[in-house]
């Protein structure tokens, strides 16, 4: 008899609430975008992070908690390395020299990007290259969008870098040294590869 591969197969059943969940996820994204204009950013992202646990459990996507743990780990490693490059123009909570807004934004942002991507991953077939590059394109688009919104709309400015370095062309966002800009674009792909290496399952499969 042939051994059955433990790898994820694309002969799967989608979560029965997949379409309502997609609508729900996008509504939450839009609400969060609006709230950034009214609430203190660090308190908002910390609250979102804490609410992710009951939200994912309530929507039967417990599998996604593993992705959140990986995102949190990457965020901690990054902030331990780059914490000296963060100092915002707004009051932000800081713990052991780590800016909590940046820490939780990375954790929430990575997980949120993956969850949205995971809704349509099944359409890419079983090609790992398609999945990888599709995620990268989506992650980069989300990164540029939120960095642009943060700088130009919400007025969240990192004084450590914004006053010294120019931003990316056109969007005029992500004012930071080149190595830091490169890290921002690489963190997403690294996150995806770690999740794949750990064989973490798409939360919308059952």
N, C-alpha and C. Protein backbone atom coordinates (compact mmCIF):
# COMPACT_ATOMS: atom_id res chain seq x y z
N UNK A 1 0.83 -1.20 0.00
CA UNK A 1 0.00 0.00 0.00
C UNK A 1 0.86 1.26 0.00
N UNK A 2 0.41 2.25 -0.68
CA UNK A 2 1.15 3.51 -0.70
C UNK A 2 0.93 4.24 0.60
N UNK A 3 1.98 4.83 1.08
CA UNK A 3 1.88 5.62 2.30
C UNK A 3 1.14 6.91 1.99
N UNK A 4 0.27 7.29 2.89
CA UNK A 4 -0.46 8.54 2.73
C UNK A 4 0.39 9.68 3.23
N UNK A 5 0.62 10.66 2.39
CA UNK A 5 1.47 11.79 2.76
C UNK A 5 0.81 12.61 3.85
N UNK A 6 1.60 13.05 4.80
CA UNK A 6 1.10 13.92 5.86
C UNK A 6 1.01 15.37 5.40
N UNK A 7 1.57 15.65 4.21
CA UNK A 7 1.52 17.01 3.70
C UNK A 7 0.09 17.42 3.40
N UNK A 8 -0.18 18.68 3.49
CA UNK A 8 -1.52 19.19 3.23
C UNK A 8 -1.91 18.90 1.79
N UNK A 9 -3.07 18.34 1.61
CA UNK A 9 -3.57 18.04 0.28
C UNK A 9 -4.58 19.11 -0.13
N UNK A 10 -4.71 19.31 -1.44
CA UNK A 10 -5.69 20.27 -1.89
C UNK A 10 -7.01 19.60 -2.21
N UNK A 11 -7.14 18.31 -1.83
CA UNK A 11 -8.44 17.66 -1.83
C UNK A 11 -9.03 17.87 -0.44
N UNK A 12 -9.42 19.09 -0.17
CA UNK A 12 -9.85 19.46 1.17
C UNK A 12 -11.26 20.02 1.14
N UNK A 13 -11.83 20.19 2.31
CA UNK A 13 -13.10 20.88 2.46
C UNK A 13 -12.83 22.22 3.11
N UNK A 14 -13.38 23.26 2.53
CA UNK A 14 -13.22 24.57 3.14
C UNK A 14 -14.12 24.69 4.36
N UNK A 15 -13.69 25.49 5.31
CA UNK A 15 -14.50 25.78 6.48
C UNK A 15 -15.89 26.24 6.03
N UNK A 16 -16.95 25.66 6.59
CA UNK A 16 -18.31 25.96 6.12
C UNK A 16 -18.68 27.43 6.29
N UNK A 17 -17.97 28.14 7.20
CA UNK A 17 -18.27 29.56 7.41
C UNK A 17 -17.24 30.45 6.73
N UNK A 18 -16.55 29.90 5.72
CA UNK A 18 -15.45 30.65 5.10
C UNK A 18 -15.88 32.01 4.55
N UNK A 19 -16.97 32.06 3.78
CA UNK A 19 -17.39 33.32 3.17
C UNK A 19 -17.82 34.35 4.22
N UNK A 20 -18.65 33.97 5.20
CA UNK A 20 -18.99 34.94 6.26
C UNK A 20 -17.75 35.40 7.03
N UNK A 21 -16.79 34.50 7.22
CA UNK A 21 -15.57 34.86 7.94
C UNK A 21 -14.75 35.87 7.14
N UNK A 22 -14.71 35.70 5.84
CA UNK A 22 -13.98 36.65 4.99
C UNK A 22 -14.57 38.05 5.12
N UNK A 23 -15.90 38.12 5.09
CA UNK A 23 -16.58 39.40 5.26
C UNK A 23 -16.29 39.97 6.64
N UNK A 24 -16.38 39.11 7.65
CA UNK A 24 -16.12 39.54 9.03
C UNK A 24 -14.70 40.06 9.20
N UNK A 25 -13.73 39.35 8.63
CA UNK A 25 -12.33 39.77 8.73
C UNK A 25 -12.11 41.14 8.09
N UNK A 26 -12.69 41.35 6.91
CA UNK A 26 -12.52 42.62 6.22
C UNK A 26 -13.21 43.77 6.95
N UNK A 27 -14.36 43.48 7.55
CA UNK A 27 -15.05 44.51 8.33
C UNK A 27 -14.19 44.95 9.51
N UNK A 28 -13.57 43.96 10.18
CA UNK A 28 -12.70 44.27 11.32
C UNK A 28 -11.52 45.11 10.86
N UNK A 29 -10.94 44.77 9.70
CA UNK A 29 -9.84 45.56 9.17
C UNK A 29 -10.25 47.01 8.97
N UNK A 30 -11.39 47.21 8.37
CA UNK A 30 -11.87 48.57 8.10
C UNK A 30 -12.14 49.33 9.40
N UNK A 31 -12.71 48.65 10.38
CA UNK A 31 -12.98 49.28 11.67
C UNK A 31 -11.68 49.69 12.34
N UNK A 32 -10.67 48.81 12.28
CA UNK A 32 -9.37 49.12 12.88
C UNK A 32 -8.74 50.33 12.20
N UNK A 33 -8.82 50.39 10.87
CA UNK A 33 -8.27 51.52 10.12
C UNK A 33 -8.91 52.82 10.59
N UNK A 34 -10.22 52.79 10.81
CA UNK A 34 -10.93 53.99 11.29
C UNK A 34 -10.52 54.34 12.71
N UNK A 35 -10.40 53.31 13.56
CA UNK A 35 -10.09 53.55 14.98
C UNK A 35 -8.71 54.16 15.19
N UNK A 36 -7.78 53.90 14.26
CA UNK A 36 -6.44 54.47 14.39
C UNK A 36 -6.47 56.00 14.38
N UNK A 37 -7.52 56.56 13.81
CA UNK A 37 -7.62 58.03 13.76
C UNK A 37 -8.16 58.61 15.06
N UNK A 38 -8.66 57.76 15.95
CA UNK A 38 -9.31 58.26 17.16
C UNK A 38 -8.71 57.74 18.47
N UNK A 39 -8.11 56.57 18.44
CA UNK A 39 -7.61 55.96 19.67
C UNK A 39 -6.08 55.98 19.72
N UNK A 40 -5.57 55.89 20.92
CA UNK A 40 -4.12 55.83 21.10
C UNK A 40 -3.58 54.55 20.45
N UNK A 41 -2.63 54.65 19.52
CA UNK A 41 -2.19 53.51 18.72
C UNK A 41 -1.71 52.30 19.51
N UNK A 42 -0.89 52.52 20.55
CA UNK A 42 -0.34 51.38 21.27
C UNK A 42 -1.42 50.62 22.03
N UNK A 43 -2.34 51.34 22.65
CA UNK A 43 -3.43 50.69 23.38
C UNK A 43 -4.31 49.92 22.40
N UNK A 44 -4.54 50.49 21.23
CA UNK A 44 -5.38 49.85 20.22
C UNK A 44 -4.79 48.53 19.76
N UNK A 45 -3.50 48.51 19.39
CA UNK A 45 -2.92 47.27 18.87
C UNK A 45 -2.77 46.20 19.95
N UNK A 46 -2.50 46.61 21.18
CA UNK A 46 -2.42 45.65 22.27
C UNK A 46 -3.79 45.02 22.51
N UNK A 47 -4.84 45.83 22.46
CA UNK A 47 -6.20 45.34 22.63
C UNK A 47 -6.58 44.37 21.51
N UNK A 48 -6.21 44.73 20.28
CA UNK A 48 -6.49 43.86 19.14
C UNK A 48 -5.79 42.52 19.32
N UNK A 49 -4.53 42.57 19.75
CA UNK A 49 -3.76 41.34 19.95
C UNK A 49 -4.45 40.43 20.96
N UNK A 50 -4.88 40.98 22.06
CA UNK A 50 -5.54 40.18 23.10
C UNK A 50 -6.88 39.63 22.62
N UNK A 51 -7.59 40.41 21.82
CA UNK A 51 -8.90 39.97 21.32
C UNK A 51 -8.78 38.93 20.21
N UNK A 52 -7.60 38.82 19.60
CA UNK A 52 -7.41 37.83 18.56
C UNK A 52 -7.62 36.41 19.08
N UNK A 53 -7.23 36.16 20.32
CA UNK A 53 -7.36 34.81 20.88
C UNK A 53 -8.82 34.37 20.96
N UNK A 54 -9.71 35.12 21.61
CA UNK A 54 -11.12 34.69 21.64
C UNK A 54 -11.76 34.73 20.25
N UNK A 55 -11.35 35.69 19.40
CA UNK A 55 -11.94 35.79 18.07
C UNK A 55 -11.63 34.56 17.23
N UNK A 56 -10.38 34.12 17.23
CA UNK A 56 -10.00 32.95 16.45
C UNK A 56 -10.62 31.68 17.01
N UNK A 57 -10.72 31.60 18.32
CA UNK A 57 -11.35 30.43 18.94
C UNK A 57 -12.84 30.40 18.63
N UNK A 58 -13.51 31.55 18.76
CA UNK A 58 -14.95 31.64 18.52
C UNK A 58 -15.30 31.33 17.07
N UNK A 59 -14.41 31.69 16.13
CA UNK A 59 -14.66 31.45 14.71
C UNK A 59 -14.06 30.11 14.24
N UNK A 60 -13.75 29.25 15.19
CA UNK A 60 -13.26 27.89 14.90
C UNK A 60 -11.98 27.88 14.06
N UNK A 61 -11.11 28.82 14.34
CA UNK A 61 -9.82 28.88 13.64
C UNK A 61 -8.67 28.80 14.64
N UNK A 62 -8.78 27.82 15.51
CA UNK A 62 -7.75 27.63 16.55
C UNK A 62 -6.38 27.38 15.91
N UNK A 63 -6.38 26.76 14.71
CA UNK A 63 -5.12 26.52 14.01
C UNK A 63 -4.31 27.80 13.81
N UNK A 64 -5.03 28.90 13.65
CA UNK A 64 -4.35 30.18 13.39
C UNK A 64 -3.58 30.69 14.60
N UNK A 65 -3.87 30.15 15.78
CA UNK A 65 -3.14 30.57 16.98
C UNK A 65 -1.67 30.20 16.87
N UNK A 66 -1.38 29.10 16.17
CA UNK A 66 0.02 28.71 15.95
C UNK A 66 0.72 29.76 15.09
N UNK A 67 0.02 30.29 14.10
CA UNK A 67 0.58 31.35 13.26
C UNK A 67 0.80 32.62 14.07
N UNK A 68 -0.09 32.88 15.02
CA UNK A 68 0.05 34.06 15.87
C UNK A 68 1.26 33.93 16.78
N UNK A 69 1.50 32.72 17.28
CA UNK A 69 2.66 32.48 18.13
C UNK A 69 3.95 32.72 17.35
N UNK A 70 4.00 32.23 16.11
CA UNK A 70 5.18 32.44 15.27
C UNK A 70 5.37 33.93 14.99
N UNK A 71 4.26 34.63 14.69
CA UNK A 71 4.33 36.07 14.42
C UNK A 71 4.85 36.82 15.64
N UNK A 72 4.40 36.41 16.82
CA UNK A 72 4.83 37.05 18.06
C UNK A 72 6.31 36.81 18.31
N UNK A 73 6.76 35.61 18.03
CA UNK A 73 8.18 35.27 18.20
C UNK A 73 9.05 36.14 17.29
N UNK A 74 8.66 36.24 16.02
CA UNK A 74 9.42 37.06 15.06
C UNK A 74 9.43 38.52 15.50
N UNK A 75 8.27 39.01 15.98
CA UNK A 75 8.19 40.40 16.43
C UNK A 75 9.13 40.65 17.61
N UNK A 76 9.19 39.72 18.53
CA UNK A 76 10.07 39.86 19.70
C UNK A 76 11.54 39.88 19.28
N UNK A 77 11.91 38.95 18.40
CA UNK A 77 13.30 38.89 17.92
C UNK A 77 13.67 40.19 17.21
N UNK A 78 12.77 40.66 16.35
CA UNK A 78 13.04 41.90 15.62
C UNK A 78 13.20 43.09 16.57
N UNK A 79 12.31 43.19 17.54
CA UNK A 79 12.35 44.33 18.45
C UNK A 79 13.56 44.27 19.39
N UNK A 80 13.99 43.10 19.75
CA UNK A 80 15.20 42.98 20.57
C UNK A 80 16.42 43.47 19.77
N UNK A 81 16.37 43.24 18.47
CA UNK A 81 17.48 43.66 17.61
C UNK A 81 17.41 45.14 17.27
N UNK A 82 16.19 45.63 16.99
CA UNK A 82 16.05 47.00 16.45
C UNK A 82 15.39 47.99 17.40
N UNK A 83 15.26 47.64 18.68
CA UNK A 83 14.53 48.50 19.61
C UNK A 83 15.10 49.92 19.71
N UNK A 84 16.39 50.06 19.48
CA UNK A 84 17.01 51.39 19.56
C UNK A 84 16.63 52.31 18.42
N UNK A 85 15.91 51.77 17.43
CA UNK A 85 15.53 52.56 16.26
C UNK A 85 14.07 53.00 16.29
N UNK A 86 13.45 52.91 17.47
CA UNK A 86 12.04 53.29 17.59
C UNK A 86 11.85 54.34 18.68
N UNK A 87 11.25 55.46 18.31
CA UNK A 87 10.87 56.51 19.25
C UNK A 87 9.85 57.39 18.53
N UNK A 88 8.60 57.22 18.88
CA UNK A 88 7.53 57.89 18.13
C UNK A 88 7.21 59.29 18.66
N UNK A 89 6.48 60.02 17.83
CA UNK A 89 6.09 61.39 18.18
C UNK A 89 4.86 61.40 19.09
N UNK A 90 4.39 60.24 19.47
CA UNK A 90 3.24 60.12 20.37
C UNK A 90 3.64 59.30 21.58
N UNK A 91 2.92 59.49 22.68
CA UNK A 91 3.20 58.70 23.88
C UNK A 91 2.91 57.23 23.61
N UNK A 92 3.90 56.39 23.85
CA UNK A 92 3.76 54.95 23.62
C UNK A 92 4.31 54.20 24.82
N UNK A 93 3.69 53.09 25.15
CA UNK A 93 4.18 52.25 26.23
C UNK A 93 5.50 51.60 25.82
N UNK A 94 6.45 51.58 26.75
CA UNK A 94 7.75 50.97 26.51
C UNK A 94 8.06 50.02 27.66
N UNK A 95 8.51 48.82 27.34
CA UNK A 95 8.84 47.82 28.35
C UNK A 95 10.23 47.26 28.06
N UNK A 96 11.14 47.43 29.03
CA UNK A 96 12.53 46.99 28.88
C UNK A 96 13.15 47.55 27.59
N UNK A 97 12.82 48.79 27.29
CA UNK A 97 13.39 49.45 26.12
C UNK A 97 12.71 49.10 24.81
N UNK A 98 11.69 48.25 24.86
CA UNK A 98 10.98 47.83 23.65
C UNK A 98 9.68 48.62 23.53
N UNK A 99 9.50 49.27 22.39
CA UNK A 99 8.27 50.02 22.14
C UNK A 99 7.15 49.02 21.87
N UNK A 100 6.12 49.03 22.71
CA UNK A 100 5.05 48.04 22.61
C UNK A 100 4.16 48.24 21.40
N UNK A 101 4.07 49.48 20.92
CA UNK A 101 3.30 49.70 19.70
C UNK A 101 3.92 48.94 18.54
N UNK A 102 5.24 49.09 18.35
CA UNK A 102 5.93 48.40 17.27
C UNK A 102 5.87 46.89 17.45
N UNK A 103 6.07 46.43 18.68
CA UNK A 103 6.06 44.99 18.97
C UNK A 103 4.72 44.36 18.60
N UNK A 104 3.63 44.94 19.10
CA UNK A 104 2.32 44.34 18.85
C UNK A 104 1.83 44.60 17.44
N UNK A 105 2.28 45.68 16.82
CA UNK A 105 1.90 45.93 15.43
C UNK A 105 2.48 44.87 14.52
N UNK A 106 3.72 44.49 14.77
CA UNK A 106 4.33 43.42 13.97
C UNK A 106 3.60 42.10 14.19
N UNK A 107 3.29 41.78 15.43
CA UNK A 107 2.60 40.52 15.73
C UNK A 107 1.24 40.46 15.06
N UNK A 108 0.45 41.52 15.26
CA UNK A 108 -0.89 41.57 14.68
C UNK A 108 -0.83 41.66 13.16
N UNK A 109 0.08 42.48 12.65
CA UNK A 109 0.17 42.69 11.21
C UNK A 109 0.52 41.42 10.44
N UNK A 110 1.48 40.65 10.95
CA UNK A 110 1.87 39.41 10.28
C UNK A 110 0.72 38.42 10.28
N UNK A 111 0.09 38.25 11.43
CA UNK A 111 -1.03 37.31 11.53
C UNK A 111 -2.19 37.75 10.66
N UNK A 112 -2.52 39.03 10.70
CA UNK A 112 -3.65 39.54 9.93
C UNK A 112 -3.42 39.38 8.43
N UNK A 113 -2.20 39.65 7.99
CA UNK A 113 -1.88 39.47 6.57
C UNK A 113 -2.04 38.02 6.15
N UNK A 114 -1.55 37.12 7.01
CA UNK A 114 -1.67 35.69 6.68
C UNK A 114 -3.13 35.24 6.64
N UNK A 115 -3.92 35.68 7.60
CA UNK A 115 -5.32 35.24 7.66
C UNK A 115 -6.08 35.67 6.40
N UNK A 116 -5.87 36.90 5.95
CA UNK A 116 -6.53 37.35 4.72
C UNK A 116 -6.04 36.54 3.52
N UNK A 117 -4.73 36.33 3.46
CA UNK A 117 -4.17 35.54 2.37
C UNK A 117 -4.72 34.12 2.38
N UNK A 118 -4.88 33.55 3.56
CA UNK A 118 -5.29 32.14 3.68
C UNK A 118 -6.70 31.88 3.15
N UNK A 119 -7.50 32.94 3.01
CA UNK A 119 -8.85 32.77 2.48
C UNK A 119 -8.84 32.30 1.02
N UNK A 120 -7.83 32.69 0.26
CA UNK A 120 -7.81 32.33 -1.15
C UNK A 120 -6.58 31.50 -1.55
N UNK A 121 -5.86 30.99 -0.56
CA UNK A 121 -4.68 30.17 -0.85
C UNK A 121 -5.03 28.92 -1.66
N UNK A 122 -6.22 28.36 -1.41
CA UNK A 122 -6.62 27.13 -2.10
C UNK A 122 -6.71 27.31 -3.62
N UNK A 123 -6.90 28.55 -4.07
CA UNK A 123 -7.00 28.81 -5.49
C UNK A 123 -5.64 28.73 -6.20
N UNK A 124 -4.58 28.66 -5.42
CA UNK A 124 -3.23 28.62 -5.99
C UNK A 124 -2.77 27.21 -6.29
N UNK A 125 -3.62 26.22 -5.97
CA UNK A 125 -3.23 24.83 -6.19
C UNK A 125 -2.20 24.36 -5.18
N UNK A 126 -1.41 23.38 -5.57
CA UNK A 126 -0.43 22.80 -4.65
C UNK A 126 0.99 23.23 -4.98
N UNK A 127 1.11 24.36 -5.65
CA UNK A 127 2.43 24.86 -6.07
C UNK A 127 3.00 25.76 -4.98
N UNK A 128 4.07 25.32 -4.30
CA UNK A 128 4.64 26.11 -3.20
C UNK A 128 5.20 27.46 -3.64
N UNK A 129 5.68 27.54 -4.90
CA UNK A 129 6.23 28.79 -5.39
C UNK A 129 5.13 29.82 -5.61
N UNK A 130 4.00 29.37 -6.14
CA UNK A 130 2.86 30.26 -6.31
C UNK A 130 2.41 30.81 -4.97
N UNK A 131 2.32 29.94 -3.98
CA UNK A 131 1.88 30.36 -2.65
C UNK A 131 2.86 31.36 -2.06
N UNK A 132 4.14 31.07 -2.16
CA UNK A 132 5.16 31.93 -1.56
C UNK A 132 5.15 33.32 -2.18
N UNK A 133 5.19 33.37 -3.51
CA UNK A 133 5.25 34.67 -4.18
C UNK A 133 3.93 35.43 -4.09
N UNK A 134 2.83 34.72 -4.03
CA UNK A 134 1.53 35.39 -3.84
C UNK A 134 1.46 36.04 -2.47
N UNK A 135 1.96 35.32 -1.47
CA UNK A 135 1.97 35.89 -0.13
C UNK A 135 2.87 37.11 -0.07
N UNK A 136 4.04 37.03 -0.70
CA UNK A 136 4.98 38.16 -0.70
C UNK A 136 4.34 39.40 -1.30
N UNK A 137 3.71 39.24 -2.45
CA UNK A 137 3.08 40.39 -3.12
C UNK A 137 2.00 40.99 -2.23
N UNK A 138 1.18 40.13 -1.61
CA UNK A 138 0.11 40.61 -0.75
C UNK A 138 0.68 41.29 0.48
N UNK A 139 1.71 40.69 1.08
CA UNK A 139 2.35 41.27 2.28
C UNK A 139 2.96 42.63 1.96
N UNK A 140 3.67 42.73 0.86
CA UNK A 140 4.29 44.02 0.48
C UNK A 140 3.23 45.09 0.25
N UNK A 141 2.12 44.71 -0.38
CA UNK A 141 1.04 45.67 -0.61
C UNK A 141 0.45 46.17 0.71
N UNK A 142 0.24 45.25 1.65
CA UNK A 142 -0.30 45.60 2.96
C UNK A 142 0.69 46.46 3.73
N UNK A 143 1.97 46.11 3.65
CA UNK A 143 3.02 46.86 4.35
C UNK A 143 3.06 48.30 3.87
N UNK A 144 3.10 48.50 2.56
CA UNK A 144 3.16 49.85 2.01
C UNK A 144 1.91 50.64 2.35
N UNK A 145 0.75 49.98 2.27
CA UNK A 145 -0.51 50.65 2.58
C UNK A 145 -0.53 51.16 4.01
N UNK A 146 -0.21 50.30 4.99
CA UNK A 146 -0.28 50.70 6.39
C UNK A 146 0.84 51.66 6.78
N UNK A 147 2.00 51.52 6.17
CA UNK A 147 3.07 52.48 6.44
C UNK A 147 2.70 53.86 5.91
N UNK A 148 2.05 53.89 4.77
CA UNK A 148 1.61 55.16 4.19
C UNK A 148 0.52 55.79 5.04
N UNK A 149 -0.44 54.99 5.47
CA UNK A 149 -1.52 55.48 6.32
C UNK A 149 -0.97 55.99 7.65
N UNK A 150 -0.04 55.25 8.23
CA UNK A 150 0.52 55.63 9.52
C UNK A 150 1.21 56.99 9.45
N UNK A 151 1.97 57.20 8.40
CA UNK A 151 2.77 58.43 8.29
C UNK A 151 1.94 59.62 7.83
N UNK A 152 1.08 59.41 6.84
CA UNK A 152 0.38 60.54 6.21
C UNK A 152 -1.02 60.79 6.75
N UNK A 153 -1.66 59.78 7.32
CA UNK A 153 -3.04 59.94 7.78
C UNK A 153 -3.13 59.93 9.30
N UNK A 154 -2.53 58.94 9.93
CA UNK A 154 -2.63 58.82 11.39
C UNK A 154 -1.58 59.63 12.14
N UNK A 155 -0.60 60.13 11.42
CA UNK A 155 0.42 60.96 12.06
C UNK A 155 1.33 60.23 13.02
N UNK A 156 1.55 58.95 12.77
CA UNK A 156 2.46 58.16 13.61
C UNK A 156 3.85 58.22 12.98
N UNK A 157 4.74 58.96 13.61
CA UNK A 157 6.07 59.20 13.03
C UNK A 157 7.15 58.67 13.96
N UNK A 158 8.04 57.89 13.40
CA UNK A 158 9.18 57.37 14.16
C UNK A 158 10.29 58.42 14.10
N UNK A 159 10.42 59.20 15.17
CA UNK A 159 11.38 60.30 15.18
C UNK A 159 12.83 59.85 15.09
N UNK A 160 13.09 58.61 15.45
CA UNK A 160 14.46 58.09 15.40
C UNK A 160 14.98 58.00 13.97
N UNK A 161 14.06 57.80 13.03
CA UNK A 161 14.50 57.60 11.65
C UNK A 161 13.90 58.62 10.67
N UNK A 162 12.68 59.07 10.93
CA UNK A 162 11.97 59.93 9.96
C UNK A 162 12.66 61.27 9.73
N UNK A 163 13.34 61.76 10.76
CA UNK A 163 14.00 63.07 10.63
C UNK A 163 15.37 62.98 9.95
N UNK A 164 15.82 61.76 9.71
CA UNK A 164 17.15 61.56 9.14
C UNK A 164 17.10 60.96 7.74
N UNK A 165 16.19 60.00 7.55
CA UNK A 165 16.17 59.24 6.30
C UNK A 165 14.93 59.55 5.46
N UNK A 166 15.12 59.49 4.16
CA UNK A 166 13.99 59.70 3.25
C UNK A 166 13.17 58.42 3.15
N UNK A 167 11.92 58.56 2.74
CA UNK A 167 11.05 57.40 2.61
C UNK A 167 11.14 56.76 1.25
N UNK A 168 10.29 55.77 1.03
CA UNK A 168 10.25 55.10 -0.26
C UNK A 168 9.68 56.05 -1.32
N UNK A 169 10.05 55.84 -2.58
CA UNK A 169 9.52 56.69 -3.65
C UNK A 169 8.00 56.58 -3.75
N UNK A 170 7.37 57.60 -4.25
CA UNK A 170 5.93 57.69 -4.51
C UNK A 170 5.12 57.77 -3.22
N UNK A 171 5.17 56.71 -2.39
CA UNK A 171 4.35 56.69 -1.17
C UNK A 171 4.94 57.56 -0.06
N UNK A 172 6.23 57.86 -0.14
CA UNK A 172 6.92 58.65 0.88
C UNK A 172 6.64 58.09 2.28
N UNK A 173 6.85 56.79 2.43
CA UNK A 173 6.65 56.14 3.72
C UNK A 173 7.88 55.31 4.06
N UNK A 174 7.87 54.75 5.23
CA UNK A 174 8.97 53.92 5.72
C UNK A 174 10.30 54.68 5.69
N UNK A 175 10.30 55.80 6.43
CA UNK A 175 11.52 56.61 6.54
C UNK A 175 12.48 55.91 7.50
N UNK A 176 13.47 55.25 6.93
CA UNK A 176 14.41 54.46 7.74
C UNK A 176 15.64 54.16 6.91
N UNK A 177 16.74 53.75 7.56
CA UNK A 177 17.94 53.37 6.80
C UNK A 177 17.62 52.19 5.88
N UNK A 178 18.43 52.01 4.84
CA UNK A 178 18.16 50.97 3.85
C UNK A 178 18.09 49.57 4.47
N UNK A 179 18.95 49.28 5.44
CA UNK A 179 18.93 47.95 6.03
C UNK A 179 17.61 47.69 6.76
N UNK A 180 17.05 48.73 7.35
CA UNK A 180 15.79 48.60 8.06
C UNK A 180 14.62 48.46 7.08
N UNK A 181 14.67 49.21 5.98
CA UNK A 181 13.66 49.07 4.94
C UNK A 181 13.67 47.65 4.37
N UNK A 182 14.89 47.14 4.12
CA UNK A 182 15.02 45.79 3.59
C UNK A 182 14.44 44.77 4.57
N UNK A 183 14.71 44.98 5.86
CA UNK A 183 14.20 44.06 6.88
C UNK A 183 12.68 44.04 6.89
N UNK A 184 12.06 45.20 6.75
CA UNK A 184 10.60 45.27 6.72
C UNK A 184 10.03 44.42 5.59
N UNK A 185 10.67 44.47 4.42
CA UNK A 185 10.18 43.70 3.28
C UNK A 185 10.51 42.21 3.40
N UNK A 186 11.52 41.87 4.19
CA UNK A 186 11.93 40.47 4.33
C UNK A 186 11.23 39.74 5.47
N UNK A 187 10.78 40.47 6.47
CA UNK A 187 10.16 39.84 7.63
C UNK A 187 8.94 39.01 7.24
N UNK A 188 8.13 39.53 6.32
CA UNK A 188 6.95 38.79 5.87
C UNK A 188 7.29 37.46 5.23
N UNK A 189 8.16 37.45 4.21
CA UNK A 189 8.57 36.18 3.60
C UNK A 189 9.19 35.21 4.60
N UNK A 190 9.98 35.72 5.54
CA UNK A 190 10.58 34.86 6.56
C UNK A 190 9.50 34.22 7.41
N UNK A 191 8.51 35.02 7.78
CA UNK A 191 7.38 34.52 8.56
C UNK A 191 6.66 33.38 7.81
N UNK A 192 6.40 33.59 6.54
CA UNK A 192 5.71 32.59 5.73
C UNK A 192 6.53 31.30 5.65
N UNK A 193 7.83 31.42 5.41
CA UNK A 193 8.69 30.25 5.29
C UNK A 193 8.77 29.47 6.60
N UNK A 194 8.80 30.17 7.72
CA UNK A 194 8.83 29.48 9.02
C UNK A 194 7.53 28.71 9.24
N UNK A 195 6.41 29.33 8.91
CA UNK A 195 5.11 28.65 9.05
C UNK A 195 5.05 27.41 8.17
N UNK A 196 5.58 27.52 6.94
CA UNK A 196 5.59 26.38 6.04
C UNK A 196 6.53 25.29 6.54
N UNK A 197 7.69 25.69 7.06
CA UNK A 197 8.65 24.71 7.57
C UNK A 197 8.08 23.95 8.76
N UNK A 198 7.26 24.64 9.55
CA UNK A 198 6.61 23.99 10.70
C UNK A 198 5.35 23.24 10.30
N UNK A 199 5.02 23.32 9.01
CA UNK A 199 3.84 22.64 8.45
C UNK A 199 2.55 23.08 9.15
N UNK A 200 2.45 24.36 9.42
CA UNK A 200 1.24 24.88 10.06
C UNK A 200 0.10 24.90 9.04
N UNK A 201 -1.05 24.46 9.47
CA UNK A 201 -2.18 24.31 8.55
C UNK A 201 -2.96 25.60 8.35
N UNK A 202 -3.49 25.74 7.14
CA UNK A 202 -4.38 26.84 6.82
C UNK A 202 -5.62 26.74 7.71
N UNK A 203 -5.98 27.79 8.44
CA UNK A 203 -7.12 27.70 9.38
C UNK A 203 -8.47 27.58 8.68
N UNK A 204 -8.50 27.75 7.35
CA UNK A 204 -9.76 27.66 6.63
C UNK A 204 -9.96 26.31 5.96
N UNK A 205 -9.05 25.36 6.24
CA UNK A 205 -9.25 23.98 5.79
C UNK A 205 -9.78 23.17 6.96
N UNK A 206 -10.49 22.12 6.66
CA UNK A 206 -10.92 21.20 7.74
C UNK A 206 -10.80 19.77 7.28
